[in-house]
């Protein structure tokens, strides 16, 4: 049996389609082209290729699995008749995970008001620009010292640069922390220091950071798109 992780376009998919062995496919979803191509046309094209390859693999696949009911529905639409929901196995950075004490001390020392957190790569479909706008409104209405921490590497350099300019334009240059990709212990420190986890993503096949937030007993406020309501369940506020 050949097991393939269906994702963004890859020459491996075409190679796989030509193989005679039984094929199983695991799908964690593909971000729609329309959400990324304005910022990164190559990523948008790769996403479109990934969807086309999925449809070609469907008739030759003996079994299919998806990380959420939402993703399973997407698979059915691509021609896989009986996908099985198989949520991802996640090693959580919960309260028992050792946090980086130097990072935790730095975050706590800088605290002046509410600390908001989102974890995910910087990409337009993740909606970090909406979180920056929400922070501006929150500071005007409730807490002028509130800050937003965005943890995750940049999938699009252009988008990251735009976020920096946007925060500066709104007077939030010092209130928005683009932490980048961080080690596991530093990530645990960010979860431990935060007051709430906020998510404005327009597309998620599952969204593991929501589980991370739950494991740290963080309140969650999330935009109810794609698989987010399914993953949050009753453990947070879905807008």
Protein backbone atom coordinates (compact mmCIF):
# COMPACT_ATOMS: atom_id res chain seq x y z
CA UNK A 1 0.00 0.00 0.00
CA UNK A 2 1.25 3.48 -0.89
CA UNK A 3 0.13 6.21 1.52
CA UNK A 4 0.10 9.76 0.13
CA UNK A 5 -0.52 12.99 2.02
CA UNK A 6 -2.67 15.05 -0.29
CA UNK A 7 -1.51 18.64 -0.13
CA UNK A 8 -0.26 21.43 -2.36
CA UNK A 9 0.74 20.43 -5.92
CA UNK A 10 3.62 17.97 -6.13
CA UNK A 11 5.30 15.87 -8.85
CA UNK A 12 4.98 12.94 -6.42
CA UNK A 13 1.22 12.84 -7.12
CA UNK A 14 1.77 12.24 -10.82
CA UNK A 15 4.34 9.55 -10.05
CA UNK A 16 1.92 7.93 -7.62
CA UNK A 17 -0.92 7.88 -10.14
CA UNK A 18 1.18 5.70 -12.45
CA UNK A 19 2.08 3.13 -9.78
CA UNK A 20 0.21 -0.21 -9.68
CA UNK A 21 0.15 -0.60 -5.86
CA UNK A 22 -3.05 0.05 -3.83
CA UNK A 23 -3.19 3.71 -2.82
CA UNK A 24 -4.42 5.37 0.37
CA UNK A 25 -4.69 9.15 0.64
CA UNK A 26 -4.63 11.32 3.77
CA UNK A 27 -5.91 14.87 3.28
CA UNK A 28 -5.35 17.87 5.53
CA UNK A 29 -6.87 20.27 2.98
CA UNK A 30 -5.46 22.76 0.48
CA UNK A 31 -5.95 26.50 0.82
CA UNK A 32 -8.07 27.78 -2.10
CA UNK A 33 -6.14 29.59 -4.78
CA UNK A 34 -8.24 32.74 -4.46
CA UNK A 35 -7.03 33.33 -0.90
CA UNK A 36 -3.30 33.40 -1.71
CA UNK A 37 -2.61 34.16 -5.37
CA UNK A 38 -2.85 37.96 -5.07
CA UNK A 39 0.09 37.88 -2.66
CA UNK A 40 1.98 34.89 -4.01
CA UNK A 41 0.93 33.73 -7.51
CA UNK A 42 3.22 30.67 -7.36
CA UNK A 43 1.52 29.39 -4.19
CA UNK A 44 -1.87 29.98 -5.78
CA UNK A 45 -0.86 27.99 -8.85
CA UNK A 46 0.53 25.17 -6.69
CA UNK A 47 -2.77 25.03 -4.78
CA UNK A 48 -4.74 24.76 -8.03
CA UNK A 49 -2.38 22.00 -9.17
CA UNK A 50 -2.90 20.16 -5.88
CA UNK A 51 -6.67 20.14 -6.34
CA UNK A 52 -6.34 18.90 -9.92
CA UNK A 53 -4.01 16.10 -8.81
CA UNK A 54 -6.46 15.06 -6.08
CA UNK A 55 -9.22 14.64 -8.64
CA UNK A 56 -6.95 12.52 -10.84
CA UNK A 57 -5.99 10.31 -7.89
CA UNK A 58 -9.58 9.75 -6.72
CA UNK A 59 -10.51 6.90 -9.11
CA UNK A 60 -7.26 5.03 -8.34
CA UNK A 61 -7.41 5.37 -4.54
CA UNK A 62 -8.57 2.40 -2.47
CA UNK A 63 -9.11 4.40 0.74
CA UNK A 64 -9.10 8.02 1.83
CA UNK A 65 -8.81 9.78 5.18
CA UNK A 66 -9.34 13.40 6.21
CA UNK A 67 -8.34 15.39 9.28
CA UNK A 68 -11.86 16.76 9.86
CA UNK A 69 -15.44 16.34 8.72
CA UNK A 70 -15.03 19.57 6.76
CA UNK A 71 -12.02 18.15 4.90
CA UNK A 72 -13.87 14.88 4.33
CA UNK A 73 -16.61 16.86 2.60
CA UNK A 74 -13.99 18.49 0.39
CA UNK A 75 -12.64 15.04 -0.48
CA UNK A 76 -16.10 13.81 -1.46
CA UNK A 77 -16.40 16.82 -3.74
CA UNK A 78 -13.11 15.82 -5.37
CA UNK A 79 -14.38 12.34 -6.15
CA UNK A 80 -13.45 10.24 -3.11
CA UNK A 81 -16.70 8.44 -2.21
CA UNK A 82 -16.14 7.28 1.39
CA UNK A 83 -13.49 9.35 3.23
CA UNK A 84 -12.91 8.47 6.88
CA UNK A 85 -12.34 11.27 9.40
CA UNK A 86 -9.03 10.71 11.15
CA UNK A 87 -8.05 13.75 13.26
CA UNK A 88 -4.32 14.46 13.49
CA UNK A 89 -2.23 13.13 16.36
CA UNK A 90 -0.91 16.16 18.21
CA UNK A 91 1.81 16.48 20.82
CA UNK A 92 0.52 19.42 22.79
CA UNK A 93 2.59 22.05 24.59
CA UNK A 94 0.23 21.90 27.55
CA UNK A 95 0.81 23.08 31.12
CA UNK A 96 3.22 20.19 31.70
CA UNK A 97 5.50 21.29 28.86
CA UNK A 98 8.60 23.12 30.08
CA UNK A 99 8.40 26.75 28.95
CA UNK A 100 11.45 28.80 28.05
CA UNK A 101 11.83 30.87 31.20
CA UNK A 102 13.81 33.66 29.52
CA UNK A 103 11.07 34.12 26.91
CA UNK A 104 8.39 33.96 29.59
CA UNK A 105 10.20 36.56 31.71
CA UNK A 106 10.57 38.86 28.69
CA UNK A 107 6.86 38.59 27.83
CA UNK A 108 5.75 39.17 31.42
CA UNK A 109 8.09 42.15 31.85
CA UNK A 110 6.61 43.83 28.76
CA UNK A 111 3.01 43.29 29.87
CA UNK A 112 0.95 46.45 30.31
CA UNK A 113 -2.51 45.23 29.38
CA UNK A 114 -4.30 42.28 27.78
CA UNK A 115 -2.02 39.96 25.78
CA UNK A 116 -3.63 38.38 22.69
CA UNK A 117 -2.05 35.48 20.79
CA UNK A 118 -2.37 33.78 17.42
CA UNK A 119 -0.15 30.93 16.24
CA UNK A 120 0.13 30.13 12.53
CA UNK A 121 2.26 30.97 9.54
CA UNK A 122 1.95 34.53 8.23
CA UNK A 123 -0.29 34.10 5.21
CA UNK A 124 -3.23 36.18 3.93
CA UNK A 125 -5.74 33.36 4.41
CA UNK A 126 -4.78 33.17 8.10
CA UNK A 127 -6.18 36.69 8.53
CA UNK A 128 -3.47 38.31 10.63
CA UNK A 129 -4.45 41.66 9.08
CA UNK A 130 -7.93 41.25 10.56
CA UNK A 131 -6.40 40.59 13.99
CA UNK A 132 -4.35 43.79 13.73
CA UNK A 133 -7.51 45.73 12.85
CA UNK A 134 -9.35 44.09 15.76
CA UNK A 135 -6.52 45.04 18.10
CA UNK A 136 -6.83 48.69 17.05
CA UNK A 137 -10.57 48.63 17.81
CA UNK A 138 -10.06 46.80 21.10
CA UNK A 139 -7.45 49.30 22.26
CA UNK A 140 -9.76 52.23 21.47
CA UNK A 141 -12.79 50.69 23.17
CA UNK A 142 -11.37 48.76 26.13
CA UNK A 143 -7.64 48.56 26.76
CA UNK A 144 -5.17 51.04 25.24
CA UNK A 145 -2.27 48.85 26.40
CA UNK A 146 -3.44 45.59 24.78
CA UNK A 147 -0.91 43.81 22.57
CA UNK A 148 -1.05 41.12 19.87
CA UNK A 149 1.56 38.38 19.43
CA UNK A 150 1.71 36.65 16.05
CA UNK A 151 3.84 33.50 16.28
CA UNK A 152 4.76 31.68 13.07
CA UNK A 153 7.07 31.86 10.09
CA UNK A 154 6.21 33.88 6.99
CA UNK A 155 4.66 31.94 4.11
CA UNK A 156 4.68 35.19 2.11
CA UNK A 157 7.38 37.84 2.55
CA UNK A 158 5.17 40.40 0.82
CA UNK A 159 2.36 39.74 3.26
CA UNK A 160 4.67 40.01 6.28
CA UNK A 161 5.97 43.36 5.07
CA UNK A 162 2.39 44.54 4.53
CA UNK A 163 1.49 43.56 8.09
CA UNK A 164 4.38 45.63 9.42
CA UNK A 165 3.26 48.65 7.37
CA UNK A 166 -0.37 48.18 8.40
CA UNK A 167 0.45 48.01 12.10
CA UNK A 168 2.57 51.17 11.79
CA UNK A 169 -0.20 52.98 9.91
CA UNK A 170 -2.63 52.19 12.75
CA UNK A 171 -0.14 53.34 15.39
CA UNK A 172 0.47 49.77 16.57
CA UNK A 173 4.13 49.29 15.67
CA UNK A 174 5.00 48.62 19.32
CA UNK A 175 1.80 46.70 20.07
CA UNK A 176 2.09 43.99 17.39
CA UNK A 177 4.82 41.42 17.97
CA UNK A 178 5.78 39.38 14.88
CA UNK A 179 7.64 36.68 16.78
CA UNK A 180 8.40 34.45 13.80
CA UNK A 181 8.87 30.70 14.09
CA UNK A 182 9.93 29.74 17.62
CA UNK A 183 11.18 26.56 19.34
CA UNK A 184 8.74 24.39 21.28
CA UNK A 185 9.71 25.73 24.72
CA UNK A 186 9.35 29.34 23.52
CA UNK A 187 5.94 28.49 22.04
CA UNK A 188 4.86 27.13 25.42
CA UNK A 189 5.96 30.43 26.98
CA UNK A 190 3.80 32.40 24.55
CA UNK A 191 0.75 30.28 25.36
CA UNK A 192 1.42 30.57 29.08
CA UNK A 193 1.80 34.36 28.97
CA UNK A 194 -1.27 35.08 26.81
CA UNK A 195 -4.71 36.07 28.09
CA UNK A 196 -6.67 34.85 25.05
CA UNK A 197 -6.17 33.07 21.73
CA UNK A 198 -7.69 34.87 18.74
CA UNK A 199 -8.14 33.40 15.26
CA UNK A 200 -9.44 35.17 12.15
CA UNK A 201 -8.40 32.54 9.61
CA UNK A 202 -10.56 32.18 6.50
CA UNK A 203 -9.47 28.61 5.80
CA UNK A 204 -8.42 25.76 8.08
CA UNK A 205 -8.55 22.04 7.47
CA UNK A 206 -8.34 21.48 11.23
CA UNK A 207 -6.23 24.19 13.04
CA UNK A 208 -4.01 22.47 15.61
CA UNK A 209 -3.15 25.72 17.49
CA UNK A 210 -6.74 25.79 18.73
CA UNK A 211 -6.03 22.54 20.59
CA UNK A 212 -2.81 24.04 21.92
CA UNK A 213 -4.78 26.96 23.31
CA UNK A 214 -7.27 24.59 24.94
CA UNK A 215 -4.44 22.63 26.56
CA UNK A 216 -3.26 25.88 28.19
CA UNK A 217 -6.82 26.79 29.30
CA UNK A 218 -6.76 29.92 27.11
CA UNK A 219 -10.07 31.54 26.21
CA UNK A 220 -10.61 31.27 22.44
CA UNK A 221 -12.32 33.76 20.12
CA UNK A 222 -12.38 32.48 16.54
CA UNK A 223 -13.94 33.31 13.19
CA UNK A 224 -16.28 30.44 12.28
CA UNK A 225 -14.91 29.50 8.86
CA UNK A 226 -14.31 26.04 7.34
CA UNK A 227 -13.18 23.51 10.01
CA UNK A 228 -12.77 26.03 12.86
CA UNK A 229 -16.24 25.58 14.45
CA UNK A 230 -15.79 21.80 14.33
CA UNK A 231 -12.39 21.94 16.04
CA UNK A 232 -13.42 24.51 18.67
CA UNK A 233 -16.64 22.67 19.51
CA UNK A 234 -17.89 24.11 22.79
CA UNK A 235 -14.43 25.13 24.03
CA UNK A 236 -14.47 28.73 22.81
CA UNK A 237 -16.43 31.57 21.25
CA UNK A 238 -16.99 31.21 17.51
CA UNK A 239 -18.04 34.32 15.57
